[in-house]
Amino acid sequence: MSEHAGADLAFRAGATYDGAPGTAAAARAFADGFLAEAQTRYGVPVTAALAGLVRLVVSELVTNAVKYAPGPCLLDLELTVDDIRVTVWDTEARLPAPRSPDPARIGQHGLEIVLAVCRRYDIERHAGGKRVRAHLPLD
């Protein structure tokens, strides 16, 4: 990506959600807008595959925040020279843990999915909740 942007590239956008029905859909639409602006403003080649992965990770992380954390959640998206970072802040202090794969289990595969498609994943506890961040490669 360095041929498309300077070494100091950092484009960020954030949104706050209250957890009402439709939150995950609104977060996916926000991600679409972010990717469109990254492509227009910085010439980042946003493939259909990349857009799909970003929407998937946003959807899974925001859905988990809405489902398991009381109160609002924040979504931050950041474009760097080599990745897109999807960060969700919520009010639940308990850290999510991936479950063992189980094809017979209905639901609760979100974290498994995120871990399968991201380059790096980290979680930090913060006062009043936690921050979950997934790094998706641009290439």
Foldseek 3Di string as FASTA:
>chain_A
DCVQDPQADKDKDKDKDWLPPCPLVVQLVVLVVVVVCCCVVRVQDCDPVNSVLVSLLSSLVLVCQSVPAHGMKMWMWMDHPWWIKTKIWHQAQDDDDADDDDPVDDDPCSVVSLVVAFPDWDKDGDVRTIMIMTIHTSD
